[in-house]
Structures are given as C-alpha cells and as structure tokens.
Protein backbone atom coordinates (compact mmCIF):
# COMPACT_ATOMS: atom_id res chain seq x y z
CA MET A 1 21.92 12.22 15.51
CA SER A 2 24.89 10.85 14.75
CA THR A 3 27.83 11.65 12.40
CA ILE A 4 29.61 8.86 10.11
CA ASN A 5 32.99 8.16 10.04
CA LYS A 6 33.76 8.26 6.23
CA GLN A 7 36.77 6.59 6.32
CA THR A 8 35.23 3.20 8.46
CA ALA A 9 32.05 3.56 7.17
CA LYS A 10 30.17 1.01 4.58
CA ARG A 11 29.01 2.58 1.35
CA VAL A 12 25.85 1.52 -0.20
CA ALA A 13 23.36 2.51 -3.12
CA VAL A 14 20.13 2.46 -2.47
CA ILE A 15 18.40 2.78 -6.07
CA GLY A 16 14.56 3.53 -5.87
CA GLY A 17 13.10 6.07 -3.66
CA GLY A 18 9.62 4.33 -3.09
CA TRP A 19 8.93 3.12 0.83
CA ALA A 20 10.95 0.20 0.04
CA GLY A 21 14.08 2.09 -0.80
CA CYS A 22 13.36 4.87 2.14
CA ALA A 23 12.97 1.87 4.60
CA ALA A 24 15.96 0.30 3.20
CA ALA A 25 17.76 3.61 3.61
CA VAL A 26 16.59 4.85 6.94
CA THR A 27 17.46 1.30 8.77
CA LEU A 28 21.11 1.54 6.94
CA ALA A 29 21.64 5.21 7.96
CA ASP A 30 20.58 4.18 11.43
CA ALA A 31 23.53 1.26 11.49
CA ASP A 32 25.94 3.69 10.84
CA TRP A 33 26.20 2.94 7.09
CA HIS A 34 27.02 5.77 4.33
CA VAL A 35 23.70 5.62 2.28
CA THR A 36 23.26 7.15 -1.36
CA LEU A 37 19.70 7.01 -2.45
CA TYR A 38 18.96 7.35 -6.51
CA GLU A 39 15.40 8.34 -7.34
CA ALA A 40 15.07 8.51 -11.08
CA SER A 41 11.58 10.95 -10.88
CA GLN A 42 11.82 14.29 -8.93
CA THR A 43 9.62 13.04 -5.90
CA LEU A 44 10.14 10.35 -3.81
CA GLY A 45 7.43 7.79 -2.65
CA GLY A 46 7.43 5.87 -5.32
CA ARG A 47 3.77 4.32 -6.13
CA ALA A 48 2.63 6.73 -3.21
CA ARG A 49 3.54 10.17 -3.68
CA ARG A 50 2.63 13.16 -4.08
CA VAL A 51 1.81 14.51 -7.59
CA GLU A 52 1.23 17.74 -8.82
CA ILE A 53 -2.08 18.29 -11.42
CA ASP A 54 -2.56 21.70 -12.41
CA GLY A 55 -0.47 23.70 -9.47
CA LYS A 56 -2.05 21.37 -7.24
CA PRO A 57 -0.72 18.69 -5.06
CA LEU A 58 -2.50 15.54 -4.80
CA ASP A 59 -1.78 12.18 -4.11
CA ASN A 60 -1.05 9.70 -7.22
CA GLY A 61 -3.71 7.42 -5.49
CA GLN A 62 -5.88 7.50 -2.13
CA HIS A 63 -4.37 5.34 0.59
CA ILE A 64 -5.00 4.05 3.90
CA LEU A 65 -3.61 2.14 6.39
CA LEU A 66 -3.94 -0.51 9.10
CA GLY A 67 -3.36 -0.14 12.93
CA ALA A 68 -1.44 -3.11 12.11
CA TYR A 69 1.46 -1.93 10.07
CA ALA A 70 3.62 -1.60 12.91
CA GLU A 71 6.92 -1.48 10.89
CA SER A 72 5.36 1.58 9.32
CA LEU A 73 4.14 3.20 12.08
CA ARG A 74 7.91 2.27 13.78
CA LEU A 75 9.46 4.05 11.08
CA MET A 76 7.32 7.01 11.14
CA ARG A 77 8.49 7.28 14.47
CA LYS A 78 11.58 6.88 13.96
CA VAL A 79 12.37 9.57 11.53
CA GLY A 80 10.64 12.07 13.97
CA ILE A 81 7.03 11.84 12.73
CA ARG A 82 4.46 11.87 15.21
CA THR A 83 1.44 9.68 13.84
CA GLU A 84 -1.05 11.15 15.45
CA ASP A 85 -0.07 14.43 13.71
CA VAL A 86 -0.46 12.67 10.02
CA LEU A 87 -2.62 10.10 10.37
CA LEU A 88 -6.03 10.30 11.22
CA ARG A 89 -6.89 7.30 13.35
CA LEU A 90 -10.61 5.96 13.17
CA PRO A 91 -12.12 2.87 14.33
CA LEU A 92 -12.80 -0.18 11.84
CA GLN A 93 -15.78 0.72 10.09
CA MET A 94 -18.15 -0.17 7.02
CA ARG A 95 -20.31 2.63 6.37
CA TYR A 96 -22.85 2.78 3.53
CA PRO A 97 -24.33 6.30 2.07
CA ALA A 98 -27.90 5.90 3.77
CA ALA A 99 -29.62 6.10 0.19
CA GLU A 100 -27.27 2.79 -0.57
CA ASN A 101 -29.60 0.55 1.65
CA GLY A 102 -25.98 -1.16 2.75
CA MET A 103 -24.85 -1.58 5.99
CA ASP A 104 -23.80 0.68 9.19
CA PHE A 105 -20.76 -1.23 11.15
CA PHE A 106 -18.04 0.27 12.91
CA ALA A 107 -16.70 -1.22 15.91
CA SER A 108 -16.67 -0.15 19.35
CA ASN A 109 -13.70 1.21 21.77
CA LEU A 110 -13.75 -1.87 23.91
CA PRO A 111 -11.02 -4.02 23.83
CA ALA A 112 -10.63 -7.23 21.81
CA PRO A 113 -13.05 -8.69 20.97
CA PHE A 114 -15.86 -7.33 22.29
CA HIS A 115 -15.20 -4.17 19.78
CA LEU A 116 -16.06 -6.28 16.84
CA LEU A 117 -19.18 -8.40 19.06
CA ILE A 118 -20.46 -4.96 20.10
CA GLY A 119 -20.01 -3.62 16.78
CA LEU A 120 -22.09 -6.30 14.96
CA LEU A 121 -24.79 -6.62 16.94
CA ARG A 122 -25.48 -2.75 16.57
CA THR A 123 -24.58 -2.93 13.04
CA LYS A 124 -27.86 -1.81 10.85
CA GLY A 125 -28.39 -3.41 7.11
CA LEU A 126 -27.44 -6.87 8.22
CA ASP A 127 -30.63 -9.51 8.98
CA LYS A 128 -29.65 -11.94 12.06
CA ASP A 129 -28.36 -14.99 8.90
CA ASP A 130 -25.97 -12.45 7.62
CA LYS A 131 -24.54 -11.55 11.03
CA LEU A 132 -24.56 -15.51 12.48
CA ALA A 133 -22.24 -16.29 8.74
CA LEU A 134 -20.11 -13.59 9.52
CA VAL A 135 -19.61 -14.92 13.15
CA ARG A 136 -19.34 -18.37 11.56
CA PHE A 137 -16.79 -17.43 9.40
CA MET A 138 -14.42 -15.56 12.20
CA THR A 139 -14.75 -18.52 14.53
CA ALA A 140 -13.61 -21.06 12.23
CA ALA A 141 -10.65 -18.82 11.16
CA ARG A 142 -9.53 -18.14 14.19
CA TRP A 143 -9.82 -21.97 15.62
CA ILE A 144 -7.76 -23.09 11.97
CA GLY A 145 -5.35 -20.33 13.00
CA TRP A 146 -5.79 -18.43 10.19
CA HIS A 147 -3.68 -20.80 8.47
CA LEU A 148 -4.68 -22.89 5.20
CA ASN A 149 -3.50 -26.40 4.65
CA GLU A 150 -3.43 -25.37 0.99
CA ASP A 151 -3.88 -21.54 -0.48
CA CYS A 152 -7.36 -21.02 -2.58
CA THR A 153 -9.01 -18.06 -3.52
CA VAL A 154 -10.93 -15.95 -1.49
CA LEU A 155 -14.54 -16.70 -2.94
CA ASN A 156 -13.42 -20.46 -2.26
CA ILE A 157 -13.08 -20.05 1.55
CA LEU A 158 -16.48 -17.93 1.52
CA ASP A 159 -18.02 -20.38 0.12
CA ARG A 160 -16.95 -23.12 2.33
CA PHE A 161 -18.27 -21.08 5.41
CA ASN A 162 -21.31 -20.19 3.74
CA GLN A 163 -21.55 -16.37 3.85
CA THR A 164 -24.09 -14.92 2.44
CA PRO A 165 -24.92 -13.00 -0.47
CA ARG A 166 -25.80 -10.11 0.75
CA LEU A 167 -22.15 -10.09 3.31
CA TYR A 168 -20.63 -10.93 0.33
CA GLY A 169 -21.49 -7.73 -1.43
CA LEU A 170 -21.10 -5.07 1.80
CA LEU A 171 -18.13 -6.72 3.82
CA TRP A 172 -16.19 -9.00 2.04
CA ARG A 173 -15.79 -8.22 -1.50
CA PRO A 174 -14.97 -4.53 -0.81
CA LEU A 175 -12.28 -5.69 1.60
CA CYS A 176 -10.52 -8.25 -0.50
CA LEU A 177 -10.57 -5.35 -3.31
CA ALA A 178 -9.11 -2.64 -0.30
CA ALA A 179 -6.43 -4.81 1.30
CA LEU A 180 -5.60 -7.36 -2.06
CA ASN A 181 -6.35 -5.10 -4.83
CA THR A 182 -7.35 -8.45 -6.54
CA PRO A 183 -11.04 -9.69 -6.92
CA PRO A 184 -12.19 -12.52 -4.69
CA GLU A 185 -12.42 -14.85 -7.06
CA ARG A 186 -8.61 -14.68 -8.39
CA ALA A 187 -7.49 -13.33 -4.84
CA SER A 188 -5.18 -15.14 -2.44
CA ALA A 189 -7.41 -16.69 0.41
CA GLN A 190 -4.34 -17.33 2.86
CA VAL A 191 -3.78 -13.41 2.44
CA PHE A 192 -6.44 -12.11 2.89
CA LEU A 193 -6.72 -14.24 6.21
CA ASN A 194 -3.10 -12.80 7.01
CA VAL A 195 -4.43 -9.64 7.27
CA LEU A 196 -7.46 -10.43 9.26
CA ARG A 197 -5.40 -12.26 11.61
CA ASP A 198 -3.19 -9.49 12.35
CA SER A 199 -6.24 -6.73 12.11
CA ILE A 200 -9.87 -8.14 13.12
CA GLY A 201 -8.29 -11.00 15.00
CA ALA A 202 -5.54 -9.04 16.88
CA LYS A 203 -5.76 -6.65 19.82
CA ARG A 204 -8.30 -3.39 19.03
CA SER A 205 -6.05 -0.33 17.98
CA ALA A 206 -4.30 -3.05 14.99
CA SER A 207 -7.37 -3.47 13.42
CA ASP A 208 -8.23 0.64 13.22
CA MET A 209 -7.53 2.83 10.08
CA LEU A 210 -5.43 5.11 9.52
CA ILE A 211 -5.97 8.20 6.72
CA PRO A 212 -3.23 9.98 5.99
CA LYS A 213 -3.63 13.81 6.74
CA ARG A 214 -0.71 14.79 4.77
CA ASP A 215 0.46 14.28 1.18
CA LEU A 216 2.16 10.59 0.44
CA SER A 217 5.77 11.91 -0.22
CA ALA A 218 5.48 13.90 3.20
CA LEU A 219 4.17 10.88 4.83
CA PHE A 220 7.22 9.39 5.35
CA ALA A 221 9.26 9.11 2.13
CA GLU A 222 10.77 13.05 2.63
CA ARG A 223 11.57 12.66 6.01
CA ALA A 224 13.09 9.50 6.08
CA ALA A 225 15.72 11.71 3.07
CA ASP A 226 16.07 13.91 5.84
CA PHE A 227 17.21 11.09 8.47
CA VAL A 228 19.82 10.06 6.03
CA LYS A 229 21.04 13.19 5.16
CA GLN A 230 21.54 14.41 8.92
CA ARG A 231 23.50 11.24 8.86
CA ASP A 232 25.83 12.24 6.17
CA GLY A 233 24.03 10.16 3.53
CA LYS A 234 23.10 11.64 0.23
CA ILE A 235 19.68 12.05 -1.69
CA THR A 236 20.00 12.05 -5.89
CA LEU A 237 16.34 12.90 -7.15
CA GLY A 238 16.30 12.48 -11.45
CA HIS A 239 18.51 10.25 -11.55
CA PRO A 240 17.70 6.88 -13.35
CA VAL A 241 20.37 4.20 -12.57
CA ARG A 242 20.81 2.23 -16.13
CA GLN A 243 23.09 -0.60 -15.50
CA LEU A 244 24.99 -2.29 -12.29
CA ILE A 245 28.84 -3.37 -12.70
CA GLN A 246 30.72 -5.20 -9.99
CA ASN A 247 34.81 -5.32 -9.72
CA ALA A 248 37.44 -6.22 -7.34
CA SER A 249 36.42 -2.74 -5.13
CA GLY A 250 32.63 -3.46 -5.23
CA TRP A 251 29.78 -1.72 -6.95
CA GLN A 252 29.24 0.96 -9.28
CA ILE A 253 26.53 2.22 -11.14
CA LYS A 254 26.07 3.54 -14.74
CA GLY A 255 23.47 6.27 -14.74
CA ASN A 256 22.56 8.54 -17.72
CA ALA A 257 24.34 8.36 -21.22
CA ASP A 258 25.86 11.43 -20.55
CA GLY A 259 27.96 9.39 -17.65
CA ASP A 260 26.11 11.23 -14.94
CA GLY A 261 26.11 8.69 -11.38
CA GLU A 262 29.44 7.12 -12.62
CA GLY A 263 32.10 6.63 -10.50
CA ASP A 264 31.53 6.30 -6.97
CA THR A 265 32.20 2.66 -5.95
CA PHE A 266 30.26 1.04 -2.70
CA ASP A 267 30.27 -1.75 -0.77
CA ALA A 268 26.80 -3.20 -1.47
CA LEU A 269 23.49 -2.38 -3.34
CA VAL A 270 20.29 -2.42 -2.55
CA ILE A 271 17.49 -2.36 -5.61
CA ALA A 272 14.05 -1.00 -4.38
CA THR A 273 12.44 -0.63 -7.75
CA PRO A 274 9.49 -2.25 -9.15
CA PRO A 275 10.00 -6.59 -10.53
CA ARG A 276 10.64 -4.86 -13.94
CA PRO A 277 12.89 -2.18 -14.02
CA ALA A 278 15.30 -4.57 -11.38
CA ALA A 279 15.09 -7.32 -13.65
CA SER A 280 17.20 -5.43 -15.90
CA LEU A 281 19.70 -4.32 -13.47
CA LEU A 282 19.79 -7.69 -12.38
CA ASP A 283 20.36 -9.01 -16.13
CA GLY A 284 23.13 -11.01 -16.74
CA LEU A 285 23.98 -10.99 -13.57
CA THR A 286 21.74 -13.15 -11.66
CA ASP A 287 18.29 -15.16 -12.82
CA LEU A 288 14.89 -14.26 -10.93
CA ALA A 289 12.80 -15.37 -13.30
CA ALA A 290 10.27 -14.63 -10.62
CA LEU A 291 10.39 -10.81 -11.94
CA GLN A 292 9.39 -10.79 -15.47
CA ALA A 293 6.27 -13.58 -14.39
CA PHE A 294 4.12 -11.29 -12.13
CA GLN A 295 0.83 -9.86 -13.07
CA TYR A 296 -0.71 -7.03 -12.05
CA GLU A 297 -3.56 -5.13 -10.98
CA PRO A 298 -4.40 -1.36 -11.57
CA ILE A 299 -5.88 1.35 -9.26
CA THR A 300 -7.96 4.53 -10.51
CA THR A 301 -8.62 7.48 -8.04
CA CYS A 302 -11.36 9.95 -9.38
CA TYR A 303 -10.76 13.27 -7.76
CA LEU A 304 -13.92 15.89 -8.02
CA GLN A 305 -13.52 19.06 -6.77
CA TYR A 306 -16.71 20.86 -5.49
CA PRO A 307 -17.34 24.20 -3.68
CA ALA A 308 -15.45 24.34 -0.31
CA ASN A 309 -18.35 24.26 1.82
CA THR A 310 -19.69 20.77 0.44
CA ARG A 311 -18.78 17.99 2.77
CA LEU A 312 -19.96 14.28 4.40
CA ASP A 313 -20.91 12.94 7.36
CA ASN A 314 -18.25 11.18 7.59
CA PRO A 315 -14.44 10.99 6.60
CA PHE A 316 -14.88 8.22 4.68
CA TYR A 317 -17.68 5.95 3.04
CA ALA A 318 -17.86 2.45 1.27
CA LEU A 319 -19.92 2.89 -2.54
CA ILE A 320 -22.24 -0.41 -3.84
CA ASP A 321 -19.97 -0.94 -7.31
CA HIS A 322 -22.14 -2.05 -10.52
CA PRO A 323 -19.76 -1.54 -13.27
CA GLU A 324 -22.58 -2.44 -15.57
CA GLU A 325 -24.76 0.07 -14.72
CA LYS A 326 -21.68 2.83 -14.77
CA LYS A 327 -20.92 2.53 -10.86
CA PHE A 328 -17.34 1.77 -10.23
CA GLY A 329 -16.45 3.94 -7.19
CA GLN A 330 -15.77 1.63 -3.84
CA PHE A 331 -15.33 3.98 -1.68
CA VAL A 332 -15.35 7.64 -1.20
CA PHE A 333 -13.01 9.85 1.12
CA ASP A 334 -13.99 13.89 2.12
CA ARG A 335 -10.60 14.95 1.89
CA GLY A 336 -11.23 18.33 3.29
CA GLN A 337 -11.81 16.69 6.42
CA LEU A 338 -7.98 15.32 6.53
CA ASP A 339 -6.18 18.80 4.97
CA LYS A 340 -8.44 22.05 4.57
CA ALA A 341 -6.24 22.91 2.56
CA GLN A 342 -8.41 20.58 0.85
CA ALA A 343 -11.96 21.50 1.29
CA GLY A 344 -14.57 20.20 -1.40
CA LEU A 345 -12.21 17.66 -2.72
CA MET A 346 -13.33 14.52 -2.93
CA ALA A 347 -11.19 11.17 -3.87
CA VAL A 348 -13.15 8.32 -5.54
CA VAL A 349 -11.39 4.58 -5.21
CA VAL A 350 -11.56 2.06 -7.51
CA SER A 351 -9.54 -1.14 -6.92
CA ALA A 352 -9.04 -3.58 -9.47
CA SER A 353 -10.01 -0.77 -11.94
CA SER A 354 -9.05 -2.83 -15.33
CA HIS A 355 -12.18 -2.40 -16.57
CA THR A 356 -11.96 1.39 -16.37
CA LEU A 357 -8.63 1.66 -18.27
CA SER A 358 -10.71 1.52 -21.85
CA LEU A 359 -12.67 4.43 -20.85
CA ASP A 360 -11.72 8.21 -21.39
CA GLU A 361 -11.32 10.44 -18.95
CA ALA A 362 -14.59 12.54 -19.14
CA SER A 363 -16.68 9.39 -19.18
CA LEU A 364 -15.33 8.22 -16.00
CA SER A 365 -16.03 11.39 -14.29
CA VAL A 366 -19.31 12.05 -15.21
CA ALA A 367 -20.51 8.50 -14.48
CA ILE A 368 -18.46 8.51 -10.79
CA ALA A 369 -19.89 12.15 -10.10
CA ALA A 370 -23.14 10.70 -11.02
CA GLN A 371 -23.06 7.38 -8.73
CA LEU A 372 -22.29 9.74 -5.37
CA ALA A 373 -25.04 12.22 -6.07
CA LYS A 374 -27.57 8.78 -6.27
CA ALA A 375 -25.38 7.52 -3.00
CA PHE A 376 -25.90 10.26 -0.92
CA ASN A 377 -28.93 11.43 -2.50
CA ARG A 378 -27.45 15.37 -3.42
CA PRO A 379 -27.94 16.08 -6.66
CA GLU A 380 -25.52 18.82 -6.65
CA LEU A 381 -22.71 15.69 -6.08
CA ALA A 382 -23.22 15.34 -9.66
CA ARG A 383 -21.77 18.43 -10.91
CA PRO A 384 -18.18 18.77 -9.44
CA LEU A 385 -16.25 22.19 -10.14
CA SER A 386 -13.69 20.13 -11.73
CA THR A 387 -12.28 16.22 -12.08
CA LYS A 388 -9.21 14.39 -12.58
CA ILE A 389 -8.66 10.49 -13.08
CA LEU A 390 -5.21 8.92 -11.81
CA SER A 391 -4.79 5.52 -12.75
CA GLU A 392 -1.36 3.53 -11.85
CA PRO A 393 -1.54 0.61 -14.36
CA TYR A 394 0.60 -1.34 -12.24
CA ALA A 395 -0.46 -0.64 -8.53
CA THR A 396 0.28 -4.11 -7.27
CA LEU A 397 0.63 -7.34 -8.20
CA ALA A 398 -1.81 -9.59 -8.58
CA CYS A 399 -2.59 -11.29 -5.18
CA THR A 400 -3.25 -14.63 -6.43
CA PRO A 401 -3.55 -18.18 -4.22
CA LYS A 402 0.54 -19.68 -4.31
CA LEU A 403 2.25 -16.94 -6.08
CA ILE A 404 5.98 -16.50 -5.71
CA ARG A 405 7.80 -14.26 -4.34
CA PRO A 406 11.60 -13.53 -4.13
CA ASP A 407 13.32 -13.32 -0.75
CA ASN A 408 15.26 -10.32 -0.73
CA ALA A 409 18.80 -12.24 -0.74
CA THR A 410 19.55 -12.10 -5.12
CA GLY A 411 22.01 -14.90 -4.55
CA ILE A 412 25.03 -12.09 -4.95
CA ASP A 413 27.00 -11.18 -2.85
CA ASN A 414 26.11 -7.90 -0.97
CA LEU A 415 23.39 -7.15 -3.48
CA VAL A 416 19.77 -6.94 -2.10
CA ILE A 417 16.44 -6.51 -3.43
CA ALA A 418 13.17 -4.68 -1.92
CA GLY A 419 10.04 -4.04 -2.55
CA ASP A 420 6.49 -5.01 -1.86
CA TYR A 421 6.71 -8.09 -4.47
CA THR A 422 8.93 -9.67 -1.98
CA ALA A 423 8.17 -12.51 -0.06
CA CYS A 424 6.12 -11.45 2.50
CA ASP A 425 2.76 -12.52 5.29
CA TYR A 426 0.95 -9.17 3.61
CA PRO A 427 -0.24 -8.51 -0.20
CA ALA A 428 1.55 -5.67 -1.83
CA THR A 429 0.76 -2.82 1.05
CA LEU A 430 2.87 0.55 2.09
CA GLU A 431 3.66 -1.90 5.15
CA ALA A 432 4.63 -4.71 2.91
CA ALA A 433 7.15 -2.26 1.21
CA VAL A 434 8.44 -1.25 4.73
CA ARG A 435 8.78 -4.79 5.63
CA SER A 436 10.85 -5.61 2.75
CA GLY A 437 12.89 -2.77 3.14
CA VAL A 438 13.73 -3.51 6.73
CA ARG A 439 14.59 -7.00 6.05
CA ALA A 440 16.64 -6.08 2.75
CA ALA A 441 19.08 -3.10 5.21
CA ARG A 442 19.33 -5.94 7.89
CA ALA A 443 20.60 -8.83 5.13
CA LEU A 444 23.16 -6.40 4.47
CA ILE A 445 24.15 -5.51 8.09
CA ASN A 446 23.80 -8.88 9.84
CA LYS A 447 26.21 -10.63 6.84
CA ASP A 448 26.61 -13.37 9.37
CA GLU A 449 23.08 -14.31 10.32
CA PRO A 450 21.34 -14.69 6.40
CA LEU A 451 18.08 -14.90 6.41
CA PRO A 452 16.21 -17.91 4.64
CA GLN A 453 14.73 -18.02 1.55
CA THR A 454 11.39 -18.10 1.29
CA TYR A 455 9.42 -18.14 -1.22
CA CYS A 456 5.67 -18.21 -0.84
CA CYS A 457 3.68 -15.36 0.33
CA SER A 458 1.44 -17.35 2.55
CA ALA A 459 4.37 -18.67 4.17
C-alpha cells in the first residue's frame, strides 16, 4: 500500500460508483492520484449491485462473466480478490432440462479447439445437420478473421451461413440474448463475432463461464472502494452530483441544494454515470449527442424461494422461452449452489424483456414458476414459498448494427467519460464497463499520449 503525497498528487473526482467508475478509481489511485468517488445511491456497483429485498440481500440481476473478461479479472486481483473464491468456473455449456427436449452441450477440458470439437461430438439433442451447420459457421468466422466488411444483424449472418432452425433456437438465439441483451433480428453481428472471437475462438479458459458466488457489490465494487481508501482516497455515498463548474483552479462539483459537495477543487474529472445523467452534467460544456440518442433493452430477473432442500442437478440451465405460451425464462440459476445461505433460491433471467414489463409481478412470477415446473417435470416448482421480480428498464444499450458509441475523450481538457456505453469491441457488459473505466483513467494519466477517437463499437 502506498501513501499519497497530498501536496503533489493530482486530485480527481470520479462521478459514479458502478463498475466503470470503480475501475477508473482503482487505476488512478494505483497511479498515486488522490481520488474522490461520488455515488448517488447508498450502494456501490451501479446496475450490477446488491439490493435489500425484505431484509434479504439479492443482486439487482443475475450476471455471468466469461474467462475472456481479462480486465475484470485483472482488476479483481489488483484489489486483493482471489477470483477462485468468488467465481464458480464452469466449462462452456448450453444444457437444457431433460423434459425440454433441448440440447446438452458442454466443452471438454482439452486445449482449444479440441475442447469444442469433443464437446460437439458428444452433444445430445442436435442431429448431424445441426452439428455440420455449427462447424460451417465457426470455420467461416475464423476464415474471415471474425470481421465483417459491413455490419449486419445476427440473424442476417446466421442465415448467410445456413444455420438450422433447431441450432438457432437452442444455441444462437439464447447466446445472442445472453451476450448482447438484444434479439438476433436487431443485434449487431460484428459485436456478436467479437464476443465469439475472444471466447470460443480463443484458448480454452477464455470460453469458461464464471458465475458470481458473492453479491455483485462485494464481487468488485466494495473491494475497489477499500483499495482507493487505503491510498488516501475518499468514497462518498448518497451524493448525487448536479453540476460541474470549471474555473482557473480546475473543476468544482455542485451537489445537493444544501451545498453538499461544494468547495473541493479537482484537477480532473471522470464522469462514470449512465449516458443520460452524463449528458445532463455535460450540458453547456460540450455536445455529445450520442448520449441522448441511445435506445435501451431491459433485463428482468425473477427470484423464486423454495424450501432449502430444493436443488437442481446443475448450477444453471438454459430454458426454451415462448412468450406467446407464457414461457418467459431463458436461464435459471440455482443460487444455493453458489452461496449456501441462499439454499432453495432460484434466479430466472429474461433478457431483452420489454415484453414482460407490462405484466404485473404476480402474473409473471406464476408464469415463470409454471415454466420451471414443466421444464424440469417437477410439479413442486410451481409452488414457490415467495417470489420477487427485479427489472432494470435501462439495463443495457440496444446493441444494434453500426451503433455509434463515443470515445472516453470529451474534447474538454481533463474531463473524460466512462461506462459500458463507450466505444468498445464488446456489448454493454461488466467487461466493457471495466475496460472503459481503465481507458478513461489512462487517458488522464498519460495526457501526453491521447487516446485515439473511436466511434463505432465494431472497430
């Protein structure tokens, strides 16, 4: 641990305590900057945080990471987290309950690409044409270097390579929803290829699925805050920032109407809020029109509490969703296999869930419980002890083809933005947020080497 010389250290305010803000704060503190992080809520983590429901700590949405998330894993280790203690590492898999008549695929432990080839050979639920179509797609993707001359939708590229309807329904559509939170008919094929390139197109461990065993705030954000405080930084919760003021001495922030947050002067600022609050703070300073133009996709998580001895055979399963048949769930996670304190708790995820937002909580919970009971052929799953629906209406950007995403640079000296919405190869994921935070911090640290302007996520 280092002690910062407060007389010489540069002072920076990081506005927003999500994963991007925490990544920026850690990177700056590690470079001996004096960091003050402001978070409007009482909990760190942003849209990947812990929430208290009826006295019980839950995540505001079930998340899954990939072994390819190199920056997230690096920063976790940087702040003192043993990733093997907080993440359940599983081989790449797409497994459906037996009663679903789906598929059962899981990668082997062999080096790439044999881990996928052996996994495909022993996959149940796909016939010869399905498997040949998958090999054809992966071979073509490698041949073109995972790069399209012109972006199109995921559905377009799947049609181009003659993917079978069964493979589409059981593999490509759920993977696209899970990775991009955007339906294949609207999702960017280039960004989807980027994710495939860095996971199943890379070394075996890159394709591993990492499921958090700790709540999302404890997984990274709170340890990041400890890291900053150990280096003489400051974390201020419950502090919304309303206005930025630039003067000859640097930057000042204006907080609540009672004057909270006024008086401190900073050499630099990182705005790590979602796009709309960022646009509000930048109003009158610069024009980043893209921040107001984004479209969003929601994510809904349904928590169902059963008796503590209720357990699935695996930590998670894919589900076949048919909204027209009131089957909304796409994945179910057995939280008790991740955290013993949550025994009997199931988390069912509905990505791109705009079709569920008009339903009342009771109706959606009943439908999802019935879906589980039928999928697993276990009637008792239709009768949970309690349920809770958590929805994030603005969970992620709609990751559409040729989407324009701004760089971290704002055109204003010593002022950068960070968030999963900034220019990146990846969709709006935890890894995209972390990469953006690190990139924003390094833009301030290495001012003499400005980052290039990049505007398209498929760069």
